[in-house]
Amino acid sequence: MEAKKRSRQRNTTQQKKIKTGINWWKWLLLVLVGLMLGTGIWFAKTILTPVNINTTARTVTTTHESVFTVKLTKASANRIMAHYLKDYLRDSNVKYTVTLGTNEAALSGKFKFLGNSVKFQLTFDPLVLKNGDVLLKAKDLNVGALPVPISFVMSYIGNSYKIPRWVSLNSKAGTVVLKLSQFKLQNGMTLKATKLDLTNDDLEFAVYLPDES
């Protein structure tokens, strides 16, 4: 009888341990599911929300006539943009590049997807607007085999990238506007685009003095 009693006690203790183990796994599973759901909600809120960045930089008042015209090749423009972005993004952990190709502009960078860093290249058709600003219309996205829409990457850029105040981004429309009238050179001069012929490697910008009246 005493032996049977001790056997029943051991069985009861083992059952309690098993139940306790099951409870621990259940709680661990709930915690993991909670973390995954929380991360998914944050990711969707941060990345999938359309972005419309309207700059508030003050437009510089200029003289009515340009003082001279600057002609550039794409190679020269690429060197200028690389130098500007290197200085502008000096204190930023997120780096990106903007280059001019055969007949398109390209923005290259990285974005986080499920904890991994994914490289991408977003290409644009450039268009000179009547006021001398430049409109970039997104046309293609190269991101490997991932089926990622352009609006997704542009939303990520708007939420995560350091963007100059004179750049306006609309992820829903897939457009970027370079508001050159709000971009002031160190000497106070401003620029207006007059020609962006990438195919023939012919870029022209009119340079204006600030209005001192």
N, C-alpha and C. Protein backbone atom coordinates (compact mmCIF):
# COMPACT_ATOMS: atom_id res chain seq x y z
N MET A 1 0.83 -1.21 0.00
CA MET A 1 0.00 0.00 0.00
C MET A 1 0.87 1.25 0.00
N GLU A 2 1.89 1.24 0.84
CA GLU A 2 2.77 2.41 0.93
C GLU A 2 3.49 2.65 -0.38
N ALA A 3 3.87 1.55 -1.05
CA ALA A 3 4.57 1.68 -2.35
C ALA A 3 3.64 2.26 -3.40
N LYS A 4 2.36 1.81 -3.42
CA LYS A 4 1.39 2.35 -4.38
C LYS A 4 1.15 3.82 -4.15
N LYS A 5 1.11 4.23 -2.86
CA LYS A 5 0.87 5.63 -2.52
C LYS A 5 2.00 6.50 -3.03
N ARG A 6 3.27 6.01 -2.81
CA ARG A 6 4.42 6.79 -3.30
C ARG A 6 4.42 6.87 -4.82
N SER A 7 3.99 5.79 -5.48
CA SER A 7 3.93 5.78 -6.95
C SER A 7 2.93 6.80 -7.46
N ARG A 8 1.75 6.87 -6.78
CA ARG A 8 0.72 7.84 -7.20
C ARG A 8 1.24 9.26 -7.00
N GLN A 9 1.97 9.52 -5.92
CA GLN A 9 2.51 10.85 -5.67
C GLN A 9 3.51 11.26 -6.75
N ARG A 10 4.37 10.29 -7.16
CA ARG A 10 5.35 10.60 -8.22
C ARG A 10 4.64 10.92 -9.53
N ASN A 11 3.59 10.14 -9.84
CA ASN A 11 2.84 10.39 -11.08
C ASN A 11 2.19 11.76 -11.05
N THR A 12 1.62 12.13 -9.88
CA THR A 12 0.97 13.44 -9.74
C THR A 12 1.98 14.56 -9.93
N THR A 13 3.18 14.39 -9.34
CA THR A 13 4.24 15.42 -9.46
C THR A 13 4.67 15.56 -10.91
N GLN A 14 4.84 14.43 -11.61
CA GLN A 14 5.24 14.48 -13.02
C GLN A 14 4.18 15.17 -13.87
N GLN A 15 2.89 14.88 -13.59
CA GLN A 15 1.81 15.52 -14.34
C GLN A 15 1.82 17.02 -14.13
N LYS A 16 2.09 17.47 -12.89
CA LYS A 16 2.14 18.90 -12.60
C LYS A 16 3.27 19.55 -13.38
N LYS A 17 4.44 18.85 -13.44
CA LYS A 17 5.57 19.39 -14.18
C LYS A 17 5.24 19.52 -15.65
N ILE A 18 4.56 18.48 -16.19
CA ILE A 18 4.18 18.52 -17.60
C ILE A 18 3.24 19.68 -17.86
N LYS A 19 2.23 19.83 -16.97
CA LYS A 19 1.27 20.92 -17.13
C LYS A 19 1.98 22.26 -17.04
N THR A 20 2.92 22.36 -16.08
CA THR A 20 3.65 23.62 -15.93
C THR A 20 4.44 23.92 -17.19
N GLY A 21 5.09 22.88 -17.78
CA GLY A 21 5.83 23.08 -19.01
C GLY A 21 4.93 23.54 -20.13
N ILE A 22 3.77 22.95 -20.27
CA ILE A 22 2.81 23.34 -21.30
C ILE A 22 2.39 24.79 -21.11
N ASN A 23 2.16 25.19 -19.88
CA ASN A 23 1.77 26.58 -19.61
C ASN A 23 2.87 27.55 -20.02
N TRP A 24 4.13 27.17 -19.71
CA TRP A 24 5.24 28.06 -20.09
C TRP A 24 5.32 28.22 -21.61
N TRP A 25 5.17 27.12 -22.33
CA TRP A 25 5.21 27.20 -23.80
C TRP A 25 4.04 28.02 -24.33
N LYS A 26 2.91 27.88 -23.68
CA LYS A 26 1.74 28.65 -24.12
C LYS A 26 1.98 30.14 -23.95
N TRP A 27 2.55 30.54 -22.81
CA TRP A 27 2.82 31.96 -22.58
C TRP A 27 3.90 32.47 -23.52
N LEU A 28 4.91 31.64 -23.77
CA LEU A 28 5.97 32.05 -24.69
C LEU A 28 5.40 32.27 -26.09
N LEU A 29 4.51 31.36 -26.50
CA LEU A 29 3.88 31.49 -27.81
C LEU A 29 3.06 32.77 -27.90
N LEU A 30 2.31 33.07 -26.84
CA LEU A 30 1.49 34.29 -26.82
C LEU A 30 2.36 35.54 -26.91
N VAL A 31 3.50 35.52 -26.19
CA VAL A 31 4.41 36.67 -26.24
C VAL A 31 4.97 36.86 -27.64
N LEU A 32 5.38 35.76 -28.28
CA LEU A 32 5.92 35.84 -29.64
C LEU A 32 4.89 36.35 -30.62
N VAL A 33 3.67 35.84 -30.51
CA VAL A 33 2.59 36.31 -31.39
C VAL A 33 2.33 37.79 -31.17
N GLY A 34 2.34 38.22 -29.90
CA GLY A 34 2.14 39.64 -29.60
C GLY A 34 3.21 40.51 -30.20
N LEU A 35 4.46 40.06 -30.09
CA LEU A 35 5.57 40.82 -30.67
C LEU A 35 5.45 40.91 -32.18
N MET A 36 5.08 39.80 -32.82
CA MET A 36 4.93 39.80 -34.27
C MET A 36 3.81 40.72 -34.71
N LEU A 37 2.69 40.67 -33.99
CA LEU A 37 1.57 41.55 -34.34
C LEU A 37 1.94 43.00 -34.13
N GLY A 38 2.61 43.29 -32.99
CA GLY A 38 3.02 44.66 -32.72
C GLY A 38 3.97 45.19 -33.76
N THR A 39 4.94 44.35 -34.16
CA THR A 39 5.90 44.76 -35.19
C THR A 39 5.20 44.98 -36.52
N GLY A 40 4.25 44.09 -36.83
CA GLY A 40 3.53 44.24 -38.10
C GLY A 40 2.71 45.51 -38.14
N ILE A 41 2.06 45.85 -37.03
CA ILE A 41 1.26 47.08 -36.99
C ILE A 41 2.15 48.29 -37.13
N TRP A 42 3.29 48.30 -36.41
CA TRP A 42 4.23 49.43 -36.53
C TRP A 42 4.75 49.54 -37.95
N PHE A 43 5.10 48.39 -38.56
CA PHE A 43 5.65 48.40 -39.92
C PHE A 43 4.62 48.96 -40.90
N ALA A 44 3.38 48.50 -40.77
CA ALA A 44 2.34 48.97 -41.69
C ALA A 44 2.07 50.45 -41.49
N LYS A 45 2.03 50.89 -40.25
CA LYS A 45 1.75 52.30 -39.97
C LYS A 45 2.86 53.21 -40.47
N THR A 46 4.10 52.74 -40.30
CA THR A 46 5.25 53.57 -40.67
C THR A 46 5.49 53.58 -42.17
N ILE A 47 5.32 52.44 -42.83
CA ILE A 47 5.73 52.30 -44.21
C ILE A 47 4.59 52.45 -45.20
N LEU A 48 3.43 51.89 -44.88
CA LEU A 48 2.36 51.85 -45.86
C LEU A 48 1.51 53.11 -45.90
N THR A 49 1.67 54.00 -44.94
CA THR A 49 0.91 55.24 -44.95
C THR A 49 1.43 56.16 -46.05
N PRO A 50 0.55 56.62 -46.96
CA PRO A 50 1.01 57.52 -48.01
C PRO A 50 1.64 58.77 -47.44
N VAL A 51 2.68 59.25 -48.12
CA VAL A 51 3.41 60.42 -47.65
C VAL A 51 3.26 61.54 -48.66
N ASN A 52 3.00 62.72 -48.16
CA ASN A 52 2.94 63.91 -49.00
C ASN A 52 3.71 65.01 -48.28
N ILE A 53 4.97 65.18 -48.65
CA ILE A 53 5.83 66.16 -48.01
C ILE A 53 5.80 67.45 -48.80
N ASN A 54 5.15 68.47 -48.25
CA ASN A 54 5.15 69.79 -48.87
C ASN A 54 6.13 70.68 -48.12
N THR A 55 7.10 71.18 -48.84
CA THR A 55 8.12 71.99 -48.20
C THR A 55 7.58 73.34 -47.78
N THR A 56 8.15 73.88 -46.72
CA THR A 56 7.74 75.19 -46.22
C THR A 56 8.87 76.20 -46.30
N ALA A 57 9.94 75.83 -47.01
CA ALA A 57 11.05 76.76 -47.14
C ALA A 57 10.61 78.00 -47.90
N ARG A 58 11.16 79.14 -47.52
CA ARG A 58 10.76 80.41 -48.13
C ARG A 58 11.35 80.53 -49.53
N THR A 59 10.50 80.90 -50.49
CA THR A 59 10.97 81.13 -51.84
C THR A 59 11.78 82.41 -51.88
N VAL A 60 12.95 82.35 -52.47
CA VAL A 60 13.84 83.51 -52.52
C VAL A 60 13.41 84.43 -53.65
N THR A 61 13.24 85.71 -53.34
CA THR A 61 12.90 86.69 -54.37
C THR A 61 14.14 87.01 -55.19
N THR A 62 14.02 86.91 -56.51
CA THR A 62 15.17 87.10 -57.38
C THR A 62 14.90 88.23 -58.37
N THR A 63 15.97 88.62 -59.06
CA THR A 63 15.82 89.58 -60.14
C THR A 63 15.05 88.93 -61.28
N HIS A 64 14.46 89.73 -62.15
CA HIS A 64 13.60 89.20 -63.20
C HIS A 64 14.38 88.50 -64.30
N GLU A 65 15.62 88.91 -64.53
CA GLU A 65 16.42 88.32 -65.60
C GLU A 65 17.62 87.58 -65.01
N SER A 66 17.94 86.46 -65.64
CA SER A 66 19.09 85.69 -65.17
C SER A 66 20.38 86.42 -65.52
N VAL A 67 21.39 86.24 -64.68
CA VAL A 67 22.67 86.92 -64.92
C VAL A 67 23.58 86.08 -65.82
N PHE A 68 23.41 84.77 -65.77
CA PHE A 68 24.15 83.92 -66.71
C PHE A 68 23.52 82.52 -66.71
N THR A 69 23.95 81.72 -67.68
CA THR A 69 23.44 80.36 -67.84
C THR A 69 24.56 79.36 -67.62
N VAL A 70 24.25 78.30 -66.91
CA VAL A 70 25.23 77.25 -66.65
C VAL A 70 24.86 76.02 -67.47
N LYS A 71 25.82 75.50 -68.22
CA LYS A 71 25.64 74.28 -68.99
C LYS A 71 26.42 73.16 -68.31
N LEU A 72 25.77 72.03 -68.14
CA LEU A 72 26.40 70.89 -67.47
C LEU A 72 26.23 69.62 -68.28
N THR A 73 27.16 68.71 -68.11
CA THR A 73 26.98 67.35 -68.60
C THR A 73 26.41 66.52 -67.46
N LYS A 74 25.93 65.33 -67.78
CA LYS A 74 25.40 64.46 -66.73
C LYS A 74 26.50 64.04 -65.75
N ALA A 75 27.69 63.84 -66.26
CA ALA A 75 28.80 63.45 -65.38
C ALA A 75 29.10 64.56 -64.37
N SER A 76 29.09 65.81 -64.84
CA SER A 76 29.34 66.94 -63.93
C SER A 76 28.21 67.07 -62.91
N ALA A 77 26.96 66.93 -63.38
CA ALA A 77 25.81 67.03 -62.48
C ALA A 77 25.86 65.92 -61.43
N ASN A 78 26.26 64.73 -61.82
CA ASN A 78 26.35 63.61 -60.87
C ASN A 78 27.41 63.88 -59.80
N ARG A 79 28.53 64.48 -60.19
CA ARG A 79 29.57 64.80 -59.21
C ARG A 79 29.07 65.87 -58.23
N ILE A 80 28.34 66.86 -58.75
CA ILE A 80 27.80 67.91 -57.89
C ILE A 80 26.80 67.34 -56.89
N MET A 81 25.89 66.48 -57.38
CA MET A 81 24.88 65.89 -56.49
C MET A 81 25.53 64.98 -55.45
N ALA A 82 26.55 64.23 -55.85
CA ALA A 82 27.24 63.34 -54.90
C ALA A 82 27.92 64.16 -53.80
N HIS A 83 28.53 65.27 -54.18
CA HIS A 83 29.19 66.13 -53.19
C HIS A 83 28.16 66.74 -52.25
N TYR A 84 27.03 67.20 -52.80
CA TYR A 84 25.98 67.82 -51.97
C TYR A 84 25.41 66.80 -50.98
N LEU A 85 25.07 65.59 -51.46
CA LEU A 85 24.46 64.59 -50.58
C LEU A 85 25.46 64.07 -49.54
N LYS A 86 26.72 63.98 -49.90
CA LYS A 86 27.72 63.55 -48.92
C LYS A 86 27.78 64.51 -47.75
N ASP A 87 27.71 65.79 -48.04
CA ASP A 87 27.73 66.79 -46.97
C ASP A 87 26.40 66.84 -46.24
N TYR A 88 25.28 66.77 -46.99
CA TYR A 88 23.95 66.88 -46.38
C TYR A 88 23.64 65.68 -45.48
N LEU A 89 24.07 64.49 -45.88
CA LEU A 89 23.78 63.26 -45.12
C LEU A 89 24.90 62.87 -44.17
N ARG A 90 25.81 63.78 -43.91
CA ARG A 90 26.97 63.50 -43.08
C ARG A 90 26.57 62.97 -41.71
N ASP A 91 25.53 63.51 -41.10
CA ASP A 91 25.10 63.11 -39.75
C ASP A 91 23.93 62.13 -39.78
N SER A 92 23.59 61.61 -40.95
CA SER A 92 22.46 60.69 -41.08
C SER A 92 22.96 59.25 -41.22
N ASN A 93 22.27 58.32 -40.57
CA ASN A 93 22.63 56.91 -40.68
C ASN A 93 22.15 56.29 -41.98
N VAL A 94 21.18 56.93 -42.62
CA VAL A 94 20.61 56.43 -43.86
C VAL A 94 21.21 57.20 -45.04
N LYS A 95 21.89 56.49 -45.92
CA LYS A 95 22.53 57.12 -47.07
C LYS A 95 21.77 56.75 -48.35
N TYR A 96 21.82 57.63 -49.32
CA TYR A 96 21.25 57.34 -50.64
C TYR A 96 21.96 58.18 -51.68
N THR A 97 21.80 57.82 -52.94
CA THR A 97 22.43 58.55 -54.03
C THR A 97 21.39 58.91 -55.08
N VAL A 98 21.66 59.98 -55.81
CA VAL A 98 20.82 60.39 -56.94
C VAL A 98 21.75 60.59 -58.13
N THR A 99 21.44 59.92 -59.23
CA THR A 99 22.29 60.01 -60.42
C THR A 99 21.43 60.19 -61.67
N LEU A 100 22.05 60.74 -62.70
CA LEU A 100 21.41 60.89 -64.00
C LEU A 100 21.99 59.85 -64.95
N GLY A 101 21.09 59.11 -65.61
CA GLY A 101 21.51 58.07 -66.55
C GLY A 101 21.27 58.47 -67.98
N THR A 102 21.12 57.47 -68.85
CA THR A 102 20.95 57.72 -70.28
C THR A 102 19.76 58.60 -70.58
N ASN A 103 18.62 58.27 -69.99
CA ASN A 103 17.42 59.08 -70.21
C ASN A 103 16.52 59.13 -68.99
N GLU A 104 17.09 58.94 -67.81
CA GLU A 104 16.30 58.93 -66.59
C GLU A 104 17.15 59.31 -65.39
N ALA A 105 16.47 59.73 -64.34
CA ALA A 105 17.13 59.98 -63.05
C ALA A 105 16.88 58.78 -62.15
N ALA A 106 17.84 58.47 -61.30
CA ALA A 106 17.72 57.28 -60.44
C ALA A 106 18.08 57.61 -59.01
N LEU A 107 17.26 57.13 -58.09
CA LEU A 107 17.53 57.23 -56.66
C LEU A 107 17.82 55.82 -56.16
N SER A 108 18.99 55.63 -55.57
CA SER A 108 19.40 54.31 -55.08
C SER A 108 19.62 54.36 -53.57
N GLY A 109 19.15 53.32 -52.90
CA GLY A 109 19.30 53.27 -51.45
C GLY A 109 18.93 51.91 -50.91
N LYS A 110 18.56 51.86 -49.64
CA LYS A 110 18.17 50.62 -48.99
C LYS A 110 16.93 50.87 -48.13
N PHE A 111 16.15 49.80 -47.91
CA PHE A 111 15.05 49.88 -46.96
C PHE A 111 14.97 48.57 -46.18
N LYS A 112 14.37 48.64 -45.00
CA LYS A 112 14.25 47.47 -44.14
C LYS A 112 12.98 46.70 -44.49
N PHE A 113 13.14 45.38 -44.69
CA PHE A 113 11.99 44.52 -44.97
C PHE A 113 12.15 43.25 -44.15
N LEU A 114 11.25 43.07 -43.16
CA LEU A 114 11.30 41.91 -42.26
C LEU A 114 12.68 41.75 -41.62
N GLY A 115 13.24 42.89 -41.22
CA GLY A 115 14.52 42.87 -40.52
C GLY A 115 15.73 42.82 -41.41
N ASN A 116 15.52 42.69 -42.72
CA ASN A 116 16.65 42.63 -43.65
C ASN A 116 16.79 43.93 -44.41
N SER A 117 18.02 44.27 -44.76
CA SER A 117 18.31 45.47 -45.54
C SER A 117 18.25 45.11 -47.02
N VAL A 118 17.34 45.76 -47.75
CA VAL A 118 17.11 45.44 -49.17
C VAL A 118 17.51 46.64 -50.03
N LYS A 119 18.36 46.39 -51.02
CA LYS A 119 18.76 47.46 -51.93
C LYS A 119 17.67 47.71 -52.97
N PHE A 120 17.55 48.96 -53.39
CA PHE A 120 16.58 49.28 -54.44
C PHE A 120 17.13 50.41 -55.31
N GLN A 121 16.54 50.52 -56.49
CA GLN A 121 16.81 51.66 -57.37
C GLN A 121 15.48 52.11 -57.97
N LEU A 122 15.14 53.36 -57.72
CA LEU A 122 13.89 53.93 -58.20
C LEU A 122 14.22 54.93 -59.30
N THR A 123 13.65 54.73 -60.50
CA THR A 123 13.97 55.60 -61.63
C THR A 123 12.81 56.55 -61.91
N PHE A 124 13.16 57.73 -62.44
CA PHE A 124 12.20 58.80 -62.69
C PHE A 124 12.38 59.37 -64.09
N ASP A 125 11.29 59.88 -64.64
CA ASP A 125 11.34 60.71 -65.84
C ASP A 125 11.39 62.16 -65.39
N PRO A 126 12.43 62.91 -65.74
CA PRO A 126 12.52 64.32 -65.33
C PRO A 126 11.82 65.24 -66.32
N LEU A 127 11.19 66.28 -65.78
CA LEU A 127 10.49 67.25 -66.61
C LEU A 127 10.69 68.64 -66.03
N VAL A 128 11.07 69.59 -66.89
CA VAL A 128 11.25 70.97 -66.45
C VAL A 128 9.89 71.67 -66.42
N LEU A 129 9.53 72.24 -65.28
CA LEU A 129 8.27 72.97 -65.15
C LEU A 129 8.45 74.42 -65.60
N LYS A 130 7.34 75.10 -65.84
CA LYS A 130 7.39 76.47 -66.35
C LYS A 130 8.10 77.43 -65.39
N ASN A 131 8.00 77.17 -64.10
CA ASN A 131 8.63 78.07 -63.12
C ASN A 131 10.10 77.74 -62.86
N GLY A 132 10.65 76.77 -63.60
CA GLY A 132 12.05 76.43 -63.43
C GLY A 132 12.31 75.31 -62.44
N ASP A 133 11.27 74.82 -61.78
CA ASP A 133 11.42 73.66 -60.91
C ASP A 133 11.50 72.39 -61.76
N VAL A 134 11.84 71.28 -61.13
CA VAL A 134 11.98 70.01 -61.85
C VAL A 134 11.03 68.98 -61.25
N LEU A 135 10.20 68.38 -62.10
CA LEU A 135 9.28 67.32 -61.68
C LEU A 135 9.89 65.97 -62.04
N LEU A 136 9.95 65.09 -61.06
CA LEU A 136 10.42 63.72 -61.28
C LEU A 136 9.23 62.78 -61.12
N LYS A 137 8.89 62.07 -62.18
CA LYS A 137 7.77 61.14 -62.16
C LYS A 137 8.31 59.71 -62.09
N ALA A 138 7.99 59.00 -61.00
CA ALA A 138 8.49 57.63 -60.82
C ALA A 138 7.93 56.73 -61.91
N LYS A 139 8.82 55.91 -62.49
CA LYS A 139 8.37 55.04 -63.58
C LYS A 139 8.75 53.57 -63.39
N ASP A 140 9.81 53.29 -62.64
CA ASP A 140 10.23 51.90 -62.52
C ASP A 140 10.96 51.70 -61.19
N LEU A 141 10.84 50.48 -60.66
CA LEU A 141 11.48 50.13 -59.39
C LEU A 141 12.22 48.82 -59.56
N ASN A 142 13.49 48.83 -59.24
CA ASN A 142 14.31 47.62 -59.28
C ASN A 142 14.65 47.22 -57.86
N VAL A 143 14.04 46.12 -57.40
CA VAL A 143 14.24 45.70 -56.02
C VAL A 143 14.38 44.18 -55.94
N GLY A 144 15.01 43.60 -56.97
CA GLY A 144 15.18 42.15 -57.00
C GLY A 144 13.88 41.44 -57.32
N ALA A 145 13.63 40.34 -56.62
CA ALA A 145 12.45 39.53 -56.89
C ALA A 145 11.26 39.91 -56.02
N LEU A 146 11.43 40.90 -55.13
CA LEU A 146 10.33 41.27 -54.23
C LEU A 146 9.25 42.02 -55.00
N PRO A 147 7.98 41.63 -54.83
CA PRO A 147 6.88 42.34 -55.49
C PRO A 147 6.47 43.58 -54.70
N VAL A 148 7.33 44.58 -54.68
CA VAL A 148 7.10 45.78 -53.88
C VAL A 148 6.64 46.91 -54.79
N PRO A 149 5.51 47.56 -54.49
CA PRO A 149 5.05 48.68 -55.32
C PRO A 149 5.88 49.93 -55.11
N ILE A 150 5.86 50.81 -56.10
CA ILE A 150 6.62 52.06 -56.03
C ILE A 150 6.16 52.91 -54.85
N SER A 151 4.84 52.95 -54.61
CA SER A 151 4.31 53.78 -53.53
C SER A 151 4.85 53.33 -52.17
N PHE A 152 5.10 52.03 -52.01
CA PHE A 152 5.65 51.49 -50.76
C PHE A 152 7.03 52.08 -50.50
N VAL A 153 7.90 52.02 -51.51
CA VAL A 153 9.27 52.51 -51.35
C VAL A 153 9.28 54.02 -51.16
N MET A 154 8.42 54.75 -51.88
CA MET A 154 8.38 56.20 -51.72
C MET A 154 7.86 56.59 -50.34
N SER A 155 6.92 55.82 -49.80
CA SER A 155 6.46 56.07 -48.43
C SER A 155 7.58 55.84 -47.44
N TYR A 156 8.37 54.79 -47.67
CA TYR A 156 9.51 54.51 -46.80
C TYR A 156 10.51 55.65 -46.86
N ILE A 157 10.78 56.15 -48.07
CA ILE A 157 11.71 57.26 -48.23
C ILE A 157 11.22 58.49 -47.47
N GLY A 158 9.92 58.80 -47.63
CA GLY A 158 9.36 59.97 -46.97
C GLY A 158 9.39 59.88 -45.46
N ASN A 159 9.24 58.66 -44.93
CA ASN A 159 9.20 58.47 -43.47
C ASN A 159 10.57 58.26 -42.85
N SER A 160 11.53 57.75 -43.62
CA SER A 160 12.80 57.32 -43.03
C SER A 160 14.02 58.06 -43.53
N TYR A 161 13.93 58.71 -44.67
CA TYR A 161 15.10 59.37 -45.25
C TYR A 161 15.14 60.85 -44.88
N LYS A 162 16.34 61.36 -44.75
CA LYS A 162 16.53 62.80 -44.56
C LYS A 162 16.47 63.47 -45.92
N ILE A 163 15.45 64.32 -46.10
CA ILE A 163 15.20 64.94 -47.40
C ILE A 163 15.33 66.45 -47.27
N PRO A 164 15.99 67.11 -48.22
CA PRO A 164 16.11 68.57 -48.16
C PRO A 164 14.75 69.26 -48.15
N ARG A 165 14.70 70.43 -47.53
CA ARG A 165 13.43 71.15 -47.39
C ARG A 165 12.88 71.62 -48.73
N TRP A 166 13.74 71.76 -49.72
CA TRP A 166 13.28 72.23 -51.03
C TRP A 166 12.83 71.09 -51.95
N VAL A 167 12.72 69.88 -51.40
CA VAL A 167 12.25 68.72 -52.15
C VAL A 167 10.87 68.32 -51.65
N SER A 168 9.91 68.23 -52.56
CA SER A 168 8.54 67.85 -52.21
C SER A 168 8.25 66.46 -52.76
N LEU A 169 7.78 65.56 -51.88
CA LEU A 169 7.55 64.16 -52.26
C LEU A 169 6.09 63.79 -52.04
N ASN A 170 5.49 63.15 -53.04
CA ASN A 170 4.12 62.66 -52.94
C ASN A 170 4.11 61.19 -53.34
N SER A 171 4.06 60.30 -52.33
CA SER A 171 4.16 58.87 -52.61
C SER A 171 2.93 58.34 -53.34
N LYS A 172 1.76 58.91 -53.08
CA LYS A 172 0.54 58.44 -53.73
C LYS A 172 0.56 58.75 -55.21
N ALA A 173 1.03 59.95 -55.56
CA ALA A 173 1.10 60.34 -56.98
C ALA A 173 2.37 59.82 -57.64
N GLY A 174 3.33 59.39 -56.84
CA GLY A 174 4.59 58.90 -57.38
C GLY A 174 5.44 60.00 -57.99
N THR A 175 5.44 61.17 -57.35
CA THR A 175 6.17 62.31 -57.88
C THR A 175 7.09 62.94 -56.84
N VAL A 176 8.14 63.55 -57.35
CA VAL A 176 9.06 64.34 -56.53
C VAL A 176 9.28 65.65 -57.27
N VAL A 177 9.15 66.77 -56.56
CA VAL A 177 9.38 68.08 -57.16
C VAL A 177 10.60 68.71 -56.51
N LEU A 178 11.57 69.07 -57.35
CA LEU A 178 12.75 69.80 -56.88
C LEU A 178 12.45 71.28 -57.01
N LYS A 179 12.13 71.92 -55.90
CA LYS A 179 11.75 73.33 -55.91
C LYS A 179 13.02 74.19 -55.87
N LEU A 180 13.59 74.37 -57.05
CA LEU A 180 14.86 75.09 -57.14
C LEU A 180 14.73 76.54 -56.69
N SER A 181 13.53 77.10 -56.76
CA SER A 181 13.32 78.48 -56.30
C SER A 181 13.52 78.61 -54.80
N GLN A 182 13.49 77.47 -54.08
CA GLN A 182 13.70 77.47 -52.63
C GLN A 182 15.11 77.00 -52.25
N PHE A 183 15.90 76.67 -53.27
CA PHE A 183 17.27 76.23 -53.02
C PHE A 183 18.21 77.40 -53.27
N LYS A 184 18.81 77.89 -52.20
CA LYS A 184 19.68 79.07 -52.29
C LYS A 184 21.13 78.66 -52.19
N LEU A 185 21.94 79.15 -53.12
CA LEU A 185 23.37 78.92 -53.08
C LEU A 185 23.99 79.74 -51.95
N GLN A 186 25.23 79.44 -51.62
CA GLN A 186 25.89 80.12 -50.50
C GLN A 186 25.99 81.63 -50.72
N ASN A 187 26.09 82.05 -51.97
CA ASN A 187 26.20 83.48 -52.26
C ASN A 187 24.83 84.15 -52.43
N GLY A 188 23.76 83.41 -52.13
CA GLY A 188 22.42 83.97 -52.24
C GLY A 188 21.77 83.80 -53.59
N MET A 189 22.51 83.32 -54.57
CA MET A 189 21.95 83.12 -55.91
C MET A 189 21.02 81.91 -55.92
N THR A 190 20.13 81.90 -56.90
CA THR A 190 19.21 80.78 -57.06
C THR A 190 19.27 80.27 -58.50
N LEU A 191 18.68 79.08 -58.69
CA LEU A 191 18.71 78.43 -60.00
C LEU A 191 17.31 78.20 -60.53
N LYS A 192 17.23 78.13 -61.85
CA LYS A 192 16.02 77.66 -62.52
C LYS A 192 16.46 76.74 -63.65
N ALA A 193 15.85 75.59 -63.73
CA ALA A 193 16.17 74.68 -64.82
C ALA A 193 15.55 75.19 -66.11
N THR A 194 16.30 75.16 -67.19
CA THR A 194 15.78 75.57 -68.50
C THR A 194 15.79 74.42 -69.49
N LYS A 195 16.67 73.45 -69.31
CA LYS A 195 16.72 72.30 -70.22
C LYS A 195 17.32 71.10 -69.50
N LEU A 196 16.65 69.95 -69.64
CA LEU A 196 17.17 68.68 -69.11
C LEU A 196 17.04 67.64 -70.21
N ASP A 197 17.96 67.67 -71.15
CA ASP A 197 17.98 66.72 -72.27
C ASP A 197 19.01 65.64 -71.95
N LEU A 198 18.55 64.61 -71.25
CA LEU A 198 19.48 63.57 -70.81
C LEU A 198 20.01 62.75 -71.97
N THR A 199 19.19 62.53 -72.97
CA THR A 199 19.61 61.71 -74.11
C THR A 199 20.81 62.33 -74.83
N ASN A 200 20.79 63.65 -74.99
CA ASN A 200 21.87 64.36 -75.67
C ASN A 200 22.88 64.97 -74.71
N ASP A 201 22.77 64.62 -73.42
CA ASP A 201 23.72 65.09 -72.40
C ASP A 201 23.81 66.62 -72.38
N ASP A 202 22.66 67.26 -72.35
CA ASP A 202 22.60 68.73 -72.41
C ASP A 202 21.71 69.24 -71.27
N LEU A 203 22.33 69.81 -70.24
CA LEU A 203 21.61 70.34 -69.09
C LEU A 203 21.91 71.83 -68.98
N GLU A 204 20.86 72.62 -68.78
CA GLU A 204 21.04 74.07 -68.67
C GLU A 204 20.27 74.60 -67.47
N PHE A 205 20.90 75.54 -66.76
CA PHE A 205 20.28 76.19 -65.62
C PHE A 205 20.54 77.69 -65.70
N ALA A 206 19.50 78.48 -65.45
CA ALA A 206 19.66 79.92 -65.38
C ALA A 206 19.95 80.31 -63.94
N VAL A 207 20.88 81.22 -63.75
CA VAL A 207 21.30 81.66 -62.42
C VAL A 207 20.80 83.08 -62.18
N TYR A 208 20.19 83.30 -61.01
CA TYR A 208 19.59 84.59 -60.67
C TYR A 208 20.23 85.16 -59.41
N LEU A 209 20.37 86.48 -59.42
CA LEU A 209 20.83 87.18 -58.23
C LEU A 209 19.65 87.43 -57.30
N PRO A 210 19.87 87.49 -55.99
CA PRO A 210 18.77 87.83 -55.07
C PRO A 210 18.35 89.27 -55.27
N ASP A 211 17.06 89.53 -55.11
CA ASP A 211 16.53 90.89 -55.24
C ASP A 211 16.88 91.67 -53.98
N GLU A 212 17.69 92.71 -54.12
CA GLU A 212 18.15 93.50 -52.96
C GLU A 212 17.30 94.73 -52.72
N SER A 213 16.24 94.90 -53.49
CA SER A 213 15.39 96.09 -53.31
C SER A 213 14.49 95.93 -52.10
